[in-house]
């Protein structure tokens, strides 16, 4: 496959040539190992000694990134995870990019930023212990005085003893019976605890409508690209199954002038689901080659790197 002189092909070439620079800027210690083509142009050379000759780029439709109608597009590139300990953007090393697919930007794209906050309940004893520990730590007390503080907090929380009776009654008789018997309603303290950032999910649906035989072949190649790279390679399968990890994907938004700086960046992603619907609303094919006149491709991705405050400031 040839590298295009302009549009997606040129930007894919820039992505390969600048992969180490981009990583140093946005991903801390985690780095991308930049591959090069061997002289025979059949495989990648990680030594960086040979010159870049061809890029494996597939574009649909053919005028993507070159005309006003299809000026904006998404670029998908494949990477191989090469170790690292941790889950932040600075902890994982990747080899790539290797192959590129460029498709029109679909409608409804965006990003969600979820932070984990859970509700936790503490009973009377736990609350008293917590209050005593906090008081002792704030005053710099010794272990003995800290125990005295905890004891005092438990007595304060118990009050005249009705609080404890109410709690024990709930345990023995149930909440409703305990309230009727004591005339009081007792509740455990409730706290919100932070559980960390969540991995972001991205879903894209593309309506691919080939107009010629070459377009149908390109669509088939694109579908195969996502199916194959999302699947693991089986290394063993007798006593136990051993798989090589599937490829990961780089995702970016582009216009005629390069990456869209006002759109969110996306860290490396795993492709978790590939959905393909053939033929459109009323199944139809071309008479010449029986290829479907429309293919709807749905891709679901999950980021494999957790984002922190520094990543948000960096545009993710």
Protein backbone atom coordinates (compact mmCIF):
# COMPACT_ATOMS: atom_id res chain seq x y z
CA UNK A 1 0.00 0.00 0.00
CA UNK A 2 1.33 3.44 -0.88
CA UNK A 3 1.70 6.47 1.33
CA UNK A 4 -0.50 9.34 0.22
CA UNK A 5 1.17 12.61 -0.72
CA UNK A 6 -1.38 14.62 1.29
CA UNK A 7 -4.27 14.16 3.70
CA UNK A 8 -4.46 11.06 5.92
CA UNK A 9 -1.40 9.40 4.43
CA UNK A 10 0.84 12.38 5.11
CA UNK A 11 -0.48 12.79 8.64
CA UNK A 12 0.02 9.08 9.30
CA UNK A 13 3.64 9.46 8.23
CA UNK A 14 4.03 12.42 10.57
CA UNK A 15 2.54 10.34 13.39
CA UNK A 16 5.19 7.66 12.89
CA UNK A 17 8.07 10.11 12.60
CA UNK A 18 6.96 12.08 15.69
CA UNK A 19 5.82 9.15 17.87
CA UNK A 20 8.66 9.48 20.38
CA UNK A 21 8.25 13.25 20.66
CA UNK A 22 4.52 12.97 21.26
CA UNK A 23 5.10 10.33 23.92
CA UNK A 24 7.68 12.37 25.80
CA UNK A 25 5.28 15.31 25.87
CA UNK A 26 2.06 13.54 26.81
CA UNK A 27 2.88 10.21 28.38
CA UNK A 28 5.74 10.67 30.81
CA UNK A 29 7.96 7.60 31.13
CA UNK A 30 5.73 5.43 28.98
CA UNK A 31 7.08 5.59 25.43
CA UNK A 32 6.23 4.50 21.89
CA UNK A 33 8.93 2.53 20.08
CA UNK A 34 8.97 3.95 16.57
CA UNK A 35 9.09 1.25 13.86
CA UNK A 36 10.58 1.60 10.37
CA UNK A 37 10.16 -0.43 7.19
CA UNK A 38 12.94 -2.85 6.25
CA UNK A 39 14.55 -2.42 2.85
CA UNK A 40 12.32 -5.17 1.45
CA UNK A 41 9.27 -3.17 2.68
CA UNK A 42 7.67 -6.31 4.12
CA UNK A 43 8.12 -5.89 7.87
CA UNK A 44 9.01 -3.38 10.56
CA UNK A 45 12.53 -2.70 11.73
CA UNK A 46 12.78 -1.45 15.33
CA UNK A 47 16.45 -0.44 15.00
CA UNK A 48 15.49 2.89 13.43
CA UNK A 49 18.37 2.61 10.93
CA UNK A 50 16.41 2.16 7.70
CA UNK A 51 14.40 4.95 6.11
CA UNK A 52 10.61 5.05 6.09
CA UNK A 53 9.46 4.05 2.62
CA UNK A 54 5.82 2.95 2.70
CA UNK A 55 3.00 3.26 5.20
CA UNK A 56 0.20 0.77 5.60
CA UNK A 57 -2.70 3.23 5.25
CA UNK A 58 -6.29 2.50 4.21
CA UNK A 59 -8.70 5.36 3.58
CA UNK A 60 -12.45 5.37 2.97
CA UNK A 61 -13.92 7.12 1.06
CA UNK A 62 -11.04 7.75 -1.37
CA UNK A 63 -11.28 11.57 -1.13
CA UNK A 64 -11.17 11.55 2.69
CA UNK A 65 -9.23 14.53 4.01
CA UNK A 66 -8.82 16.00 0.54
CA UNK A 67 -12.20 17.56 -0.28
CA UNK A 68 -14.49 19.94 1.55
CA UNK A 69 -17.20 17.30 1.92
CA UNK A 70 -14.87 14.78 3.59
CA UNK A 71 -12.28 17.11 5.09
CA UNK A 72 -12.55 15.77 8.66
CA UNK A 73 -11.70 12.22 9.61
CA UNK A 74 -10.67 9.82 12.36
CA UNK A 75 -7.38 7.97 12.34
CA UNK A 76 -6.99 4.52 13.92
CA UNK A 77 -3.50 3.08 14.34
CA UNK A 78 -2.32 -0.19 15.85
CA UNK A 79 0.17 -0.64 18.69
CA UNK A 80 1.67 -3.56 20.58
CA UNK A 81 1.94 -3.36 24.37
CA UNK A 82 5.57 -3.85 25.40
CA UNK A 83 5.50 -4.00 29.17
CA UNK A 84 5.24 -1.57 32.03
CA UNK A 85 3.87 -1.66 35.56
CA UNK A 86 0.86 0.49 36.41
CA UNK A 87 -2.21 1.84 34.67
CA UNK A 88 -1.53 5.55 34.14
CA UNK A 89 -0.44 7.13 30.87
CA UNK A 90 3.17 7.17 32.08
CA UNK A 91 3.43 3.50 33.03
CA UNK A 92 3.03 1.53 29.79
CA UNK A 93 5.33 1.19 26.77
CA UNK A 94 4.00 0.60 23.27
CA UNK A 95 5.53 -0.48 19.97
CA UNK A 96 4.10 1.30 16.96
CA UNK A 97 2.24 2.73 15.19
CA UNK A 98 2.04 -0.02 12.55
CA UNK A 99 -1.09 0.18 10.40
CA UNK A 100 -3.52 3.04 9.82
CA UNK A 101 -7.22 3.23 8.99
CA UNK A 102 -8.87 6.59 8.26
CA UNK A 103 -12.66 7.03 8.27
CA UNK A 104 -15.06 10.00 8.33
CA UNK A 105 -15.89 11.38 11.77
CA UNK A 106 -19.38 10.10 12.68
CA UNK A 107 -22.01 12.15 14.45
CA UNK A 108 -22.42 12.17 18.22
CA UNK A 109 -18.78 11.74 19.22
CA UNK A 110 -17.62 12.92 22.62
CA UNK A 111 -16.04 11.84 25.89
CA UNK A 112 -17.15 11.18 29.45
CA UNK A 113 -15.02 11.67 32.55
CA UNK A 114 -16.17 9.41 35.36
CA UNK A 115 -14.74 9.52 38.87
CA UNK A 116 -15.53 6.78 41.37
CA UNK A 117 -17.29 7.85 44.56
CA UNK A 118 -19.02 5.18 46.67
CA UNK A 119 -21.34 5.43 49.67
CA UNK A 120 -20.12 3.69 52.82
CA UNK A 121 -21.98 3.19 56.11
CA UNK A 122 -20.31 2.92 59.51
CA UNK A 123 -21.96 1.66 62.69
CA UNK A 124 -21.75 3.16 66.17
CA UNK A 125 -18.48 1.46 67.15
CA UNK A 126 -16.75 2.26 63.85
CA UNK A 127 -17.79 5.92 64.05
CA UNK A 128 -16.51 6.20 67.62
CA UNK A 129 -13.18 4.61 66.73
CA UNK A 130 -12.79 6.91 63.74
CA UNK A 131 -13.55 10.02 65.78
CA UNK A 132 -11.16 8.93 68.52
CA UNK A 133 -8.32 8.22 66.11
CA UNK A 134 -8.80 11.56 64.34
CA UNK A 135 -8.81 13.44 67.66
CA UNK A 136 -5.72 11.61 68.91
CA UNK A 137 -3.82 12.19 65.66
CA UNK A 138 -4.67 15.88 65.60
CA UNK A 139 -3.42 16.31 69.18
CA UNK A 140 -0.34 14.17 68.68
CA UNK A 141 -1.32 11.82 71.50
CA UNK A 142 0.42 8.63 72.56
CA UNK A 143 -1.10 5.17 72.04
CA UNK A 144 -2.43 5.12 75.63
CA UNK A 145 -4.03 8.52 75.40
CA UNK A 146 -5.41 7.64 71.94
CA UNK A 147 -7.18 4.64 73.49
CA UNK A 148 -8.63 6.93 76.16
CA UNK A 149 -9.86 9.26 73.43
CA UNK A 150 -11.56 6.39 71.63
CA UNK A 151 -13.21 5.26 74.88
CA UNK A 152 -14.45 8.78 75.54
CA UNK A 153 -15.85 9.11 72.03
CA UNK A 154 -17.71 5.80 72.38
CA UNK A 155 -19.27 6.99 75.67
CA UNK A 156 -20.24 10.26 74.03
CA UNK A 157 -21.75 8.48 71.05
CA UNK A 158 -23.65 6.13 73.34
CA UNK A 159 -25.16 9.01 75.34
CA UNK A 160 -27.62 7.72 77.94
CA UNK A 161 -27.46 4.21 76.50
CA UNK A 162 -30.58 4.56 74.37
CA UNK A 163 -28.50 4.80 71.22
CA UNK A 164 -26.87 1.45 71.92
CA UNK A 165 -30.19 -0.11 72.81
CA UNK A 166 -31.66 1.20 69.60
CA UNK A 167 -28.81 -0.27 67.57
CA UNK A 168 -28.99 -3.64 69.33
CA UNK A 169 -32.76 -3.66 68.96
CA UNK A 170 -32.44 -3.17 65.22
CA UNK A 171 -30.07 -6.13 65.06
CA UNK A 172 -32.40 -8.42 67.08
CA UNK A 173 -35.93 -7.34 66.19
CA UNK A 174 -35.46 -5.55 62.92
CA UNK A 175 -35.64 -1.84 62.20
CA UNK A 176 -39.43 -1.47 62.23
CA UNK A 177 -39.96 -3.34 65.50
CA UNK A 178 -37.05 -1.53 67.15
CA UNK A 179 -38.48 1.88 66.23
CA UNK A 180 -41.93 0.98 67.62
CA UNK A 181 -40.49 -0.42 70.83
CA UNK A 182 -38.05 2.43 71.54
CA UNK A 183 -39.80 5.34 69.89
CA UNK A 184 -36.51 6.25 68.24
CA UNK A 185 -34.98 5.82 64.76
CA UNK A 186 -31.27 5.12 64.64
CA UNK A 187 -29.11 5.24 61.54
CA UNK A 188 -25.50 4.46 60.76
CA UNK A 189 -23.30 7.32 59.63
CA UNK A 190 -22.88 7.50 55.86
CA UNK A 191 -19.72 8.66 54.13
CA UNK A 192 -18.61 9.17 50.53
CA UNK A 193 -15.27 7.54 49.71
CA UNK A 194 -13.23 8.12 46.56
CA UNK A 195 -12.43 4.94 44.60
CA UNK A 196 -10.40 6.41 41.73
CA UNK A 197 -10.90 7.39 38.08
CA UNK A 198 -12.71 5.10 35.67
CA UNK A 199 -11.53 3.83 32.30
CA UNK A 200 -13.25 5.76 29.51
CA UNK A 201 -15.35 4.04 26.84
CA UNK A 202 -15.77 5.18 23.23
CA UNK A 203 -18.27 3.92 20.67
CA UNK A 204 -18.31 4.81 16.98
CA UNK A 205 -20.71 3.79 14.21
CA UNK A 206 -19.72 4.20 10.57
CA UNK A 207 -22.08 3.85 7.60
CA UNK A 208 -19.83 2.70 4.77
CA UNK A 209 -21.38 2.95 1.29
CA UNK A 210 -19.07 1.76 -1.49
CA UNK A 211 -19.63 3.19 -4.98
CA UNK A 212 -17.28 0.95 -6.96
CA UNK A 213 -15.59 -2.46 -6.88
CA UNK A 214 -12.44 -0.95 -5.39
CA UNK A 215 -14.52 0.69 -2.65
CA UNK A 216 -16.09 -2.67 -1.75
CA UNK A 217 -12.63 -4.22 -1.48
CA UNK A 218 -11.47 -1.36 0.74
CA UNK A 219 -14.50 -1.73 3.04
CA UNK A 220 -13.82 -5.46 3.36
CA UNK A 221 -10.17 -4.77 4.20
CA UNK A 222 -11.18 -2.20 6.84
CA UNK A 223 -13.55 -4.64 8.54
CA UNK A 224 -10.87 -7.31 8.48
CA UNK A 225 -8.39 -4.85 9.97
CA UNK A 226 -10.52 -4.26 13.06
CA UNK A 227 -11.56 -7.90 13.47
CA UNK A 228 -8.03 -9.30 13.19
CA UNK A 229 -6.30 -6.69 15.36
CA UNK A 230 -8.91 -6.96 18.13
CA UNK A 231 -8.40 -10.73 18.40
CA UNK A 232 -5.55 -12.52 20.25
CA UNK A 233 -3.12 -14.90 18.60
CA UNK A 234 -3.28 -18.34 20.24
CA UNK A 235 0.16 -19.59 21.27
CA UNK A 236 -0.86 -22.87 22.90
CA UNK A 237 -4.07 -24.82 23.37
CA UNK A 238 -3.45 -28.33 24.67
CA UNK A 239 -3.42 -28.40 28.48
CA UNK A 240 -4.25 -24.72 28.73
CA UNK A 241 -4.89 -21.84 26.38
CA UNK A 242 -2.20 -19.18 26.03
CA UNK A 243 -2.85 -16.05 24.00
CA UNK A 244 -0.73 -13.20 22.81
CA UNK A 245 -2.43 -9.94 23.69
CA UNK A 246 -4.48 -8.31 20.93
CA UNK A 247 -3.27 -5.08 19.38
CA UNK A 248 -4.14 -1.78 21.02
CA UNK A 249 -5.36 1.24 19.09
CA UNK A 250 -4.43 4.87 18.89
CA UNK A 251 -7.41 7.10 18.02
CA UNK A 252 -7.24 10.73 16.90
CA UNK A 253 -9.35 13.34 15.13
CA UNK A 254 -7.99 15.17 12.10
CA UNK A 255 -8.81 17.93 9.64
CA UNK A 256 -7.03 19.25 6.59
CA UNK A 257 -4.47 21.05 8.73
CA UNK A 258 -3.67 18.15 11.02
CA UNK A 259 -4.91 16.93 14.42
CA UNK A 260 -7.91 18.81 15.80
CA UNK A 261 -6.57 20.69 18.82
CA UNK A 262 -10.03 21.52 20.17
CA UNK A 263 -11.10 17.87 20.38
CA UNK A 264 -10.23 15.60 23.29
CA UNK A 265 -7.21 13.37 22.98
CA UNK A 266 -7.61 9.63 23.53
CA UNK A 267 -5.10 7.35 25.25
CA UNK A 268 -4.34 3.89 23.89
CA UNK A 269 -7.48 1.74 23.67
CA UNK A 270 -8.50 -1.92 23.50
CA UNK A 271 -11.15 -2.75 20.93
CA UNK A 272 -13.72 -4.66 22.98
CA UNK A 273 -16.47 -5.19 20.41
CA UNK A 274 -16.80 -5.12 16.62
CA UNK A 275 -20.32 -5.08 15.17
CA UNK A 276 -20.99 -5.42 11.44
CA UNK A 277 -24.37 -5.11 9.68
CA UNK A 278 -24.45 -5.80 5.95
CA UNK A 279 -26.77 -4.52 3.24
CA UNK A 280 -28.46 -1.50 4.82
CA UNK A 281 -32.10 -1.26 5.94
CA UNK A 282 -33.28 -3.39 3.00
CA UNK A 283 -30.54 -5.87 2.23
CA UNK A 284 -29.08 -5.09 -1.19
CA UNK A 285 -25.93 -6.05 -3.08
CA UNK A 286 -24.20 -4.97 -6.27
CA UNK A 287 -25.07 -7.14 -9.26
CA UNK A 288 -21.45 -7.25 -10.48
CA UNK A 289 -19.81 -8.77 -7.40
CA UNK A 290 -22.64 -9.41 -4.88
CA UNK A 291 -20.93 -7.06 -2.43
CA UNK A 292 -23.34 -5.28 -0.04
CA UNK A 293 -24.25 -1.72 -1.03
CA UNK A 294 -23.84 -0.60 2.58
CA UNK A 295 -21.94 -1.86 5.62
CA UNK A 296 -22.61 -0.45 9.10
CA UNK A 297 -19.56 -0.83 11.33
CA UNK A 298 -19.81 -0.28 15.10
CA UNK A 299 -16.63 -0.20 17.20
CA UNK A 300 -16.49 -0.14 20.99
CA UNK A 301 -13.22 0.86 22.64
CA UNK A 302 -12.00 1.04 26.24
CA UNK A 303 -8.97 3.05 27.27
CA UNK A 304 -6.25 0.97 28.94
CA UNK A 305 -4.67 3.96 30.69
CA UNK A 306 -6.19 5.81 33.63
CA UNK A 307 -6.22 9.61 33.40
CA UNK A 308 -5.05 11.93 36.15
CA UNK A 309 -5.22 15.71 36.55
CA UNK A 310 -2.09 16.23 34.46
CA UNK A 311 -3.66 14.31 31.57
CA UNK A 312 -6.82 16.42 31.73
CA UNK A 313 -4.71 19.57 31.52
CA UNK A 314 -2.96 18.04 28.54
CA UNK A 315 -6.20 17.74 26.58
CA UNK A 316 -7.36 14.17 27.20
